[in-house]
Amino acid sequence: MTTRLRLEFTVPAEVREEGAYYISVCPPLDVYSQGDTEEAALVNLAEALHLFMESCFERGTLEKVLKDSGFEPAGRRALR
């Protein structure tokens, strides 16, 4: 049996123009991406963050990475 779990994170992001490209970054996690437009750079950053989080989860380091980056649990909900 498998269970699908969906996690949602809100993280800070910055975008800056460099030449013909837009560079996007999530500073606390040190994850970068780029795109031809500001919107594309943010979409690509979201994908890069997804892959980064997935990789950390698979290696068993997600909790440590988030804690080391200054993230704290928002609270625990009771299971229904």
N, C-alpha and C. Protein backbone atom coordinates (compact mmCIF):
# COMPACT_ATOMS: atom_id res chain seq x y z
N MET A 1 0.84 -1.17 0.00
CA MET A 1 0.00 0.00 0.00
C MET A 1 0.89 1.25 0.00
N THR A 2 0.53 2.22 -0.78
CA THR A 2 1.25 3.49 -0.79
C THR A 2 0.28 4.61 -0.46
N THR A 3 0.82 5.66 0.07
CA THR A 3 0.04 6.82 0.42
C THR A 3 0.67 8.04 -0.23
N ARG A 4 -0.13 8.89 -0.77
CA ARG A 4 0.35 10.12 -1.37
C ARG A 4 0.21 11.23 -0.35
N LEU A 5 1.27 11.99 -0.17
CA LEU A 5 1.30 13.09 0.78
C LEU A 5 1.66 14.37 0.04
N ARG A 6 0.92 15.41 0.31
CA ARG A 6 1.19 16.69 -0.34
C ARG A 6 1.61 17.68 0.73
N LEU A 7 2.77 18.28 0.55
CA LEU A 7 3.27 19.29 1.46
C LEU A 7 3.28 20.63 0.74
N GLU A 8 2.98 21.66 1.49
CA GLU A 8 2.99 23.00 0.90
C GLU A 8 3.90 23.88 1.74
N PHE A 9 4.83 24.55 1.07
CA PHE A 9 5.78 25.45 1.72
C PHE A 9 5.61 26.85 1.15
N THR A 10 5.77 27.83 1.99
CA THR A 10 5.86 29.21 1.54
C THR A 10 7.27 29.67 1.84
N VAL A 11 8.00 30.02 0.81
CA VAL A 11 9.39 30.42 0.98
C VAL A 11 9.63 31.76 0.30
N PRO A 12 10.58 32.52 0.81
CA PRO A 12 10.90 33.79 0.16
C PRO A 12 11.62 33.54 -1.17
N ALA A 13 11.35 34.40 -2.13
CA ALA A 13 12.01 34.30 -3.43
C ALA A 13 12.34 35.70 -3.93
N GLU A 14 13.44 35.80 -4.62
CA GLU A 14 13.87 37.06 -5.22
C GLU A 14 14.15 36.82 -6.70
N VAL A 15 13.90 37.83 -7.51
CA VAL A 15 14.17 37.74 -8.95
C VAL A 15 14.92 39.00 -9.35
N ARG A 16 15.97 38.82 -10.13
CA ARG A 16 16.70 39.98 -10.66
C ARG A 16 17.02 39.74 -12.13
N GLU A 17 17.09 40.81 -12.85
CA GLU A 17 17.40 40.73 -14.29
C GLU A 17 18.91 40.79 -14.46
N GLU A 18 19.44 39.86 -15.24
CA GLU A 18 20.86 39.85 -15.57
C GLU A 18 20.99 39.60 -17.07
N GLY A 19 21.26 40.65 -17.78
CA GLY A 19 21.37 40.53 -19.23
C GLY A 19 20.03 40.15 -19.83
N ALA A 20 20.03 39.07 -20.61
CA ALA A 20 18.80 38.62 -21.28
C ALA A 20 17.98 37.68 -20.41
N TYR A 21 18.42 37.40 -19.20
CA TYR A 21 17.75 36.42 -18.36
C TYR A 21 17.31 37.02 -17.03
N TYR A 22 16.40 36.32 -16.39
CA TYR A 22 15.98 36.64 -15.03
C TYR A 22 16.48 35.52 -14.13
N ILE A 23 17.14 35.89 -13.06
CA ILE A 23 17.67 34.93 -12.11
C ILE A 23 16.76 34.93 -10.89
N SER A 24 16.34 33.75 -10.47
CA SER A 24 15.48 33.63 -9.29
C SER A 24 16.24 32.85 -8.23
N VAL A 25 15.97 33.20 -6.97
CA VAL A 25 16.68 32.55 -5.87
C VAL A 25 15.77 32.47 -4.65
N CYS A 26 15.92 31.39 -3.91
CA CYS A 26 15.32 31.24 -2.58
C CYS A 26 16.51 31.29 -1.62
N PRO A 27 16.81 32.48 -1.05
CA PRO A 27 18.02 32.64 -0.25
C PRO A 27 18.18 31.68 0.93
N PRO A 28 17.14 31.41 1.72
CA PRO A 28 17.37 30.53 2.88
C PRO A 28 17.83 29.12 2.49
N LEU A 29 17.38 28.63 1.35
CA LEU A 29 17.75 27.28 0.91
C LEU A 29 18.88 27.30 -0.12
N ASP A 30 19.29 28.49 -0.55
CA ASP A 30 20.38 28.64 -1.52
C ASP A 30 20.10 27.87 -2.81
N VAL A 31 18.85 27.97 -3.29
CA VAL A 31 18.44 27.31 -4.53
C VAL A 31 18.19 28.41 -5.57
N TYR A 32 18.77 28.24 -6.75
CA TYR A 32 18.69 29.22 -7.83
C TYR A 32 18.07 28.61 -9.07
N SER A 33 17.53 29.48 -9.94
CA SER A 33 17.09 29.08 -11.26
C SER A 33 17.10 30.31 -12.15
N GLN A 34 16.61 30.16 -13.36
CA GLN A 34 16.57 31.29 -14.29
C GLN A 34 15.47 31.09 -15.30
N GLY A 35 15.18 32.13 -16.06
CA GLY A 35 14.20 32.05 -17.12
C GLY A 35 14.30 33.26 -18.03
N ASP A 36 13.60 33.20 -19.15
CA ASP A 36 13.59 34.31 -20.11
C ASP A 36 12.74 35.47 -19.63
N THR A 37 11.79 35.18 -18.72
CA THR A 37 10.93 36.21 -18.15
C THR A 37 10.94 36.04 -16.63
N GLU A 38 10.45 37.05 -15.93
CA GLU A 38 10.38 36.95 -14.47
C GLU A 38 9.48 35.79 -14.06
N GLU A 39 8.35 35.66 -14.74
CA GLU A 39 7.42 34.57 -14.43
C GLU A 39 8.06 33.20 -14.67
N ALA A 40 8.76 33.05 -15.79
CA ALA A 40 9.42 31.78 -16.10
C ALA A 40 10.50 31.46 -15.06
N ALA A 41 11.20 32.48 -14.61
CA ALA A 41 12.24 32.27 -13.58
C ALA A 41 11.62 31.77 -12.29
N LEU A 42 10.46 32.30 -11.92
CA LEU A 42 9.79 31.86 -10.69
C LEU A 42 9.22 30.45 -10.84
N VAL A 43 8.66 30.14 -12.00
CA VAL A 43 8.16 28.78 -12.26
C VAL A 43 9.32 27.79 -12.19
N ASN A 44 10.44 28.14 -12.80
CA ASN A 44 11.62 27.27 -12.78
C ASN A 44 12.18 27.13 -11.38
N LEU A 45 12.12 28.20 -10.59
CA LEU A 45 12.58 28.12 -9.20
C LEU A 45 11.69 27.17 -8.41
N ALA A 46 10.39 27.25 -8.62
CA ALA A 46 9.47 26.34 -7.92
C ALA A 46 9.80 24.89 -8.25
N GLU A 47 10.11 24.61 -9.50
CA GLU A 47 10.48 23.25 -9.91
C GLU A 47 11.81 22.84 -9.27
N ALA A 48 12.77 23.75 -9.25
CA ALA A 48 14.07 23.46 -8.63
C ALA A 48 13.89 23.19 -7.13
N LEU A 49 13.03 23.97 -6.47
CA LEU A 49 12.77 23.75 -5.05
C LEU A 49 12.09 22.41 -4.81
N HIS A 50 11.15 22.06 -5.68
CA HIS A 50 10.48 20.76 -5.58
C HIS A 50 11.51 19.63 -5.66
N LEU A 51 12.38 19.69 -6.64
CA LEU A 51 13.39 18.65 -6.81
C LEU A 51 14.37 18.63 -5.64
N PHE A 52 14.74 19.80 -5.14
CA PHE A 52 15.64 19.90 -3.99
C PHE A 52 15.01 19.24 -2.77
N MET A 53 13.74 19.59 -2.48
CA MET A 53 13.05 19.03 -1.32
C MET A 53 12.88 17.51 -1.47
N GLU A 54 12.53 17.08 -2.66
CA GLU A 54 12.36 15.64 -2.91
C GLU A 54 13.67 14.90 -2.69
N SER A 55 14.76 15.47 -3.17
CA SER A 55 16.08 14.86 -2.99
C SER A 55 16.45 14.78 -1.51
N CYS A 56 16.21 15.87 -0.78
CA CYS A 56 16.50 15.87 0.67
C CYS A 56 15.66 14.82 1.39
N PHE A 57 14.39 14.73 1.03
CA PHE A 57 13.49 13.74 1.65
C PHE A 57 14.00 12.33 1.39
N GLU A 58 14.36 12.04 0.15
CA GLU A 58 14.83 10.71 -0.21
C GLU A 58 16.12 10.33 0.51
N ARG A 59 16.96 11.33 0.79
CA ARG A 59 18.22 11.07 1.49
C ARG A 59 18.07 11.11 3.01
N GLY A 60 16.86 11.48 3.47
CA GLY A 60 16.62 11.54 4.90
C GLY A 60 17.19 12.78 5.57
N THR A 61 17.42 13.84 4.79
CA THR A 61 18.04 15.05 5.35
C THR A 61 17.11 16.26 5.35
N LEU A 62 15.86 16.09 4.96
CA LEU A 62 14.95 17.24 4.81
C LEU A 62 14.78 18.00 6.12
N GLU A 63 14.51 17.31 7.20
CA GLU A 63 14.30 17.99 8.49
C GLU A 63 15.53 18.80 8.88
N LYS A 64 16.72 18.23 8.74
CA LYS A 64 17.95 18.93 9.10
C LYS A 64 18.18 20.13 8.19
N VAL A 65 17.97 19.97 6.89
CA VAL A 65 18.17 21.08 5.95
C VAL A 65 17.23 22.23 6.28
N LEU A 66 15.97 21.93 6.54
CA LEU A 66 15.01 22.99 6.87
C LEU A 66 15.37 23.67 8.19
N LYS A 67 15.73 22.88 9.18
CA LYS A 67 16.11 23.45 10.48
C LYS A 67 17.35 24.32 10.34
N ASP A 68 18.37 23.83 9.63
CA ASP A 68 19.61 24.59 9.43
C ASP A 68 19.37 25.88 8.65
N SER A 69 18.30 25.90 7.85
CA SER A 69 17.97 27.09 7.04
C SER A 69 17.07 28.07 7.80
N GLY A 70 16.74 27.75 9.05
CA GLY A 70 15.95 28.66 9.86
C GLY A 70 14.45 28.42 9.85
N PHE A 71 14.01 27.37 9.19
CA PHE A 71 12.58 27.06 9.17
C PHE A 71 12.19 26.36 10.46
N GLU A 72 10.97 26.63 10.91
CA GLU A 72 10.44 26.00 12.11
C GLU A 72 9.07 25.44 11.79
N PRO A 73 8.69 24.35 12.46
CA PRO A 73 7.35 23.80 12.23
C PRO A 73 6.28 24.83 12.61
N ALA A 74 5.24 24.88 11.81
CA ALA A 74 4.15 25.82 12.07
C ALA A 74 3.22 25.28 13.14
N GLY A 75 3.35 24.04 13.51
CA GLY A 75 2.49 23.41 14.50
C GLY A 75 2.02 22.07 13.97
N ARG A 76 1.54 21.30 14.84
CA ARG A 76 1.07 19.97 14.45
C ARG A 76 -0.43 19.92 14.57
N ARG A 77 -1.08 19.37 13.57
CA ARG A 77 -2.51 19.16 13.61
C ARG A 77 -2.79 17.74 14.06
N ALA A 78 -3.85 17.59 14.78
CA ALA A 78 -4.24 16.23 15.18
C ALA A 78 -4.70 15.46 13.97
N LEU A 79 -4.32 14.19 13.90
CA LEU A 79 -4.77 13.34 12.81
C LEU A 79 -6.26 13.08 12.97
N ARG A 80 -6.98 13.08 11.88
CA ARG A 80 -8.43 12.83 11.93
C ARG A 80 -8.73 11.42 11.56
